Amino acid sequence: MIQHYRASALCVVAAICIAAPAVASPTAAPGANLAVQTLTVDQGAQVAGVEVACTGMGETRLDPKWSAYPVRVEFSNARAEYLTDAQIVLTDAKGKALFKVSCAAPWILLKPKAGSYAVYGQLLDSNAKPRSAPFKVPGKGQVRVVLEFPDS
């Protein structure tokens, strides 16, 4: 009789272990179904009605036109060194994915409408875990949204 209960218990444990990854796995990342638009470095673009730019390298990062963007998303490692070749998904306050862009430079600049958003970023060709951060578009000035990838 004890043998029977032990075998039943093992079957239950095995069933839980097999099912657990499906239950514990997070839902798909925001924007998983969106096509990625690759941004050209040091040029502005319109994506889903939002002005965006990819920059942050060399002397061009000092161009005053970049300060007109109220949001600067930066990619860095644990030593605060800039990282390049990343992509982001911008979501609105309700979590709806607005667009997905990739950038070969360490900054993605955004001019979204006033409001609250979140950015989900990942490094391309890296095993670093994706990062995310909420932000609010400032009335004036520029907010820095730093996505740090300590495992890069």
Protein backbone atom coordinates (compact mmCIF):
# COMPACT_ATOMS: atom_id res chain seq x y z
CA MET A 1 0.00 0.00 0.00
CA ILE A 2 2.79 2.44 0.85
CA GLN A 3 4.44 1.68 -2.48
CA HIS A 4 1.22 2.65 -4.29
CA TYR A 5 1.00 6.06 -2.55
CA ARG A 6 4.67 6.75 -3.20
CA ALA A 7 4.19 6.01 -6.91
CA SER A 8 1.07 8.20 -7.01
CA ALA A 9 2.92 11.03 -5.30
CA LEU A 10 5.75 10.77 -7.82
CA CYS A 11 3.24 10.94 -10.67
CA VAL A 12 1.70 14.09 -9.20
CA VAL A 13 5.12 15.71 -8.70
CA ALA A 14 6.12 14.82 -12.26
CA ALA A 15 2.88 16.28 -13.63
CA ILE A 16 3.44 19.52 -11.71
CA CYS A 17 7.04 19.78 -12.90
CA ILE A 18 6.02 19.24 -16.50
CA ALA A 19 3.18 21.77 -16.30
CA ALA A 20 5.06 24.37 -14.23
CA PRO A 21 7.02 25.97 -17.07
CA ALA A 22 3.81 26.70 -18.95
CA VAL A 23 2.18 28.18 -15.86
CA ALA A 24 5.24 30.08 -14.62
CA SER A 25 6.41 31.44 -17.96
CA PRO A 26 5.65 35.13 -18.45
CA THR A 27 3.29 36.25 -21.13
CA ALA A 28 4.78 37.30 -24.44
CA ALA A 29 6.74 40.54 -24.35
CA PRO A 30 4.80 43.60 -25.45
CA GLY A 31 4.92 44.12 -29.18
CA ALA A 32 6.04 40.58 -29.94
CA ASN A 33 3.81 40.63 -33.01
CA LEU A 34 5.07 44.03 -34.27
CA ALA A 35 7.55 44.38 -37.10
CA VAL A 36 10.81 46.06 -36.14
CA GLN A 37 11.67 49.32 -37.86
CA THR A 38 15.43 49.86 -38.06
CA LEU A 39 16.39 53.47 -37.40
CA THR A 40 19.21 55.20 -39.28
CA VAL A 41 21.88 56.59 -36.95
CA ASP A 42 21.80 60.38 -36.52
CA GLN A 43 18.55 60.82 -38.41
CA GLY A 44 15.04 61.47 -37.22
CA ALA A 45 12.05 59.41 -38.36
CA GLN A 46 8.30 59.11 -37.81
CA VAL A 47 7.11 55.80 -36.38
CA ALA A 48 3.42 55.31 -35.59
CA GLY A 49 2.97 59.09 -35.34
CA VAL A 50 5.90 59.56 -32.93
CA GLU A 51 9.12 61.34 -33.85
CA VAL A 52 12.10 59.12 -33.02
CA ALA A 53 15.86 59.30 -33.55
CA CYS A 54 18.81 56.99 -33.05
CA THR A 55 22.02 58.70 -31.93
CA GLY A 56 24.50 59.06 -29.07
CA MET A 57 27.87 58.30 -30.67
CA GLY A 58 30.76 60.63 -31.37
CA GLU A 59 30.39 64.38 -31.77
CA THR A 60 26.92 64.12 -33.30
CA ARG A 61 25.48 63.34 -29.87
CA LEU A 62 26.21 66.97 -28.95
CA ASP A 63 23.98 68.34 -31.73
CA PRO A 64 21.47 70.71 -30.09
CA LYS A 65 18.60 69.29 -32.16
CA TRP A 66 18.60 66.17 -29.95
CA SER A 67 17.63 68.23 -26.89
CA ALA A 68 14.27 68.94 -28.57
CA TYR A 69 13.27 65.32 -27.88
CA PRO A 70 11.69 65.12 -24.40
CA VAL A 71 12.67 61.46 -23.85
CA ARG A 72 16.12 59.89 -24.18
CA VAL A 73 16.32 56.12 -23.78
CA GLU A 74 19.89 54.99 -23.04
CA PHE A 75 21.42 51.52 -23.03
CA SER A 76 24.26 50.78 -20.61
CA ASN A 77 26.00 48.00 -18.73
CA ALA A 78 26.67 47.78 -14.98
CA ARG A 79 29.81 49.97 -15.37
CA ALA A 80 27.67 52.79 -16.89
CA GLU A 81 29.28 52.21 -20.29
CA TYR A 82 27.04 52.78 -23.28
CA LEU A 83 25.81 49.77 -25.23
CA THR A 84 24.69 49.70 -28.84
CA ASP A 85 22.56 47.49 -31.07
CA ALA A 86 19.33 47.38 -29.12
CA GLN A 87 15.62 47.50 -29.75
CA ILE A 88 12.72 48.90 -27.81
CA VAL A 89 8.98 48.57 -27.72
CA LEU A 90 7.09 51.67 -26.62
CA THR A 91 3.81 51.06 -24.80
CA ASP A 92 1.14 53.50 -23.70
CA ALA A 93 -0.19 53.83 -20.14
CA LYS A 94 -2.58 50.92 -20.73
CA GLY A 95 0.20 48.60 -21.91
CA LYS A 96 -0.72 48.74 -25.60
CA ALA A 97 2.39 48.35 -27.79
CA LEU A 98 2.74 51.37 -30.07
CA PHE A 99 5.84 50.41 -32.05
CA LYS A 100 9.12 48.51 -32.07
CA VAL A 101 12.39 50.03 -33.31
CA SER A 102 16.04 49.01 -33.37
CA CYS A 103 19.04 51.29 -33.11
CA ALA A 104 22.77 50.76 -33.68
CA ALA A 105 23.64 53.67 -31.34
CA PRO A 106 23.27 53.94 -27.53
CA TRP A 107 20.34 56.41 -27.49
CA ILE A 108 16.82 56.32 -28.84
CA LEU A 109 15.13 59.71 -28.64
CA LEU A 110 11.34 60.02 -28.53
CA LYS A 111 8.77 62.80 -28.94
CA PRO A 112 5.54 61.11 -27.85
CA LYS A 113 2.43 63.04 -26.88
CA ALA A 114 2.16 64.09 -23.24
CA GLY A 115 1.40 61.18 -20.93
CA SER A 116 2.76 58.08 -19.26
CA TYR A 117 4.50 55.29 -21.14
CA ALA A 118 6.82 52.34 -20.65
CA VAL A 119 9.75 51.22 -22.71
CA TYR A 120 10.81 47.58 -23.05
CA GLY A 121 14.34 47.10 -24.32
CA GLN A 122 16.61 44.27 -25.29
CA LEU A 123 20.09 44.03 -26.67
CA LEU A 124 20.35 42.40 -30.06
CA ASP A 125 22.72 39.43 -30.42
CA SER A 126 23.05 39.16 -26.63
CA ASN A 127 21.84 36.82 -23.92
CA ALA A 128 21.21 39.76 -21.59
CA LYS A 129 17.73 39.75 -20.09
CA PRO A 130 15.30 42.37 -21.42
CA ARG A 131 14.75 45.46 -19.28
CA SER A 132 11.86 47.87 -18.94
CA ALA A 133 11.11 51.21 -17.34
CA PRO A 134 8.06 53.44 -17.01
CA PHE A 135 8.34 57.16 -17.70
CA LYS A 136 6.26 60.28 -18.06
CA VAL A 137 6.87 62.81 -20.82
CA PRO A 138 8.10 66.00 -19.12
CA GLY A 139 6.45 69.36 -19.77
CA LYS A 140 9.88 70.79 -20.57
CA GLY A 141 13.41 69.51 -20.65
CA GLN A 142 14.48 65.93 -21.33
CA VAL A 143 13.99 62.86 -19.19
CA ARG A 144 16.67 60.13 -19.29
CA VAL A 145 15.35 56.58 -19.23
CA VAL A 146 18.35 54.34 -18.63
CA LEU A 147 17.98 50.65 -19.38
CA GLU A 148 20.89 48.98 -17.61
CA PHE A 149 21.91 45.50 -18.70
CA PRO A 150 24.25 44.27 -15.92
CA ASP A 151 24.39 40.82 -17.50
CA SER A 152 25.74 42.08 -20.83
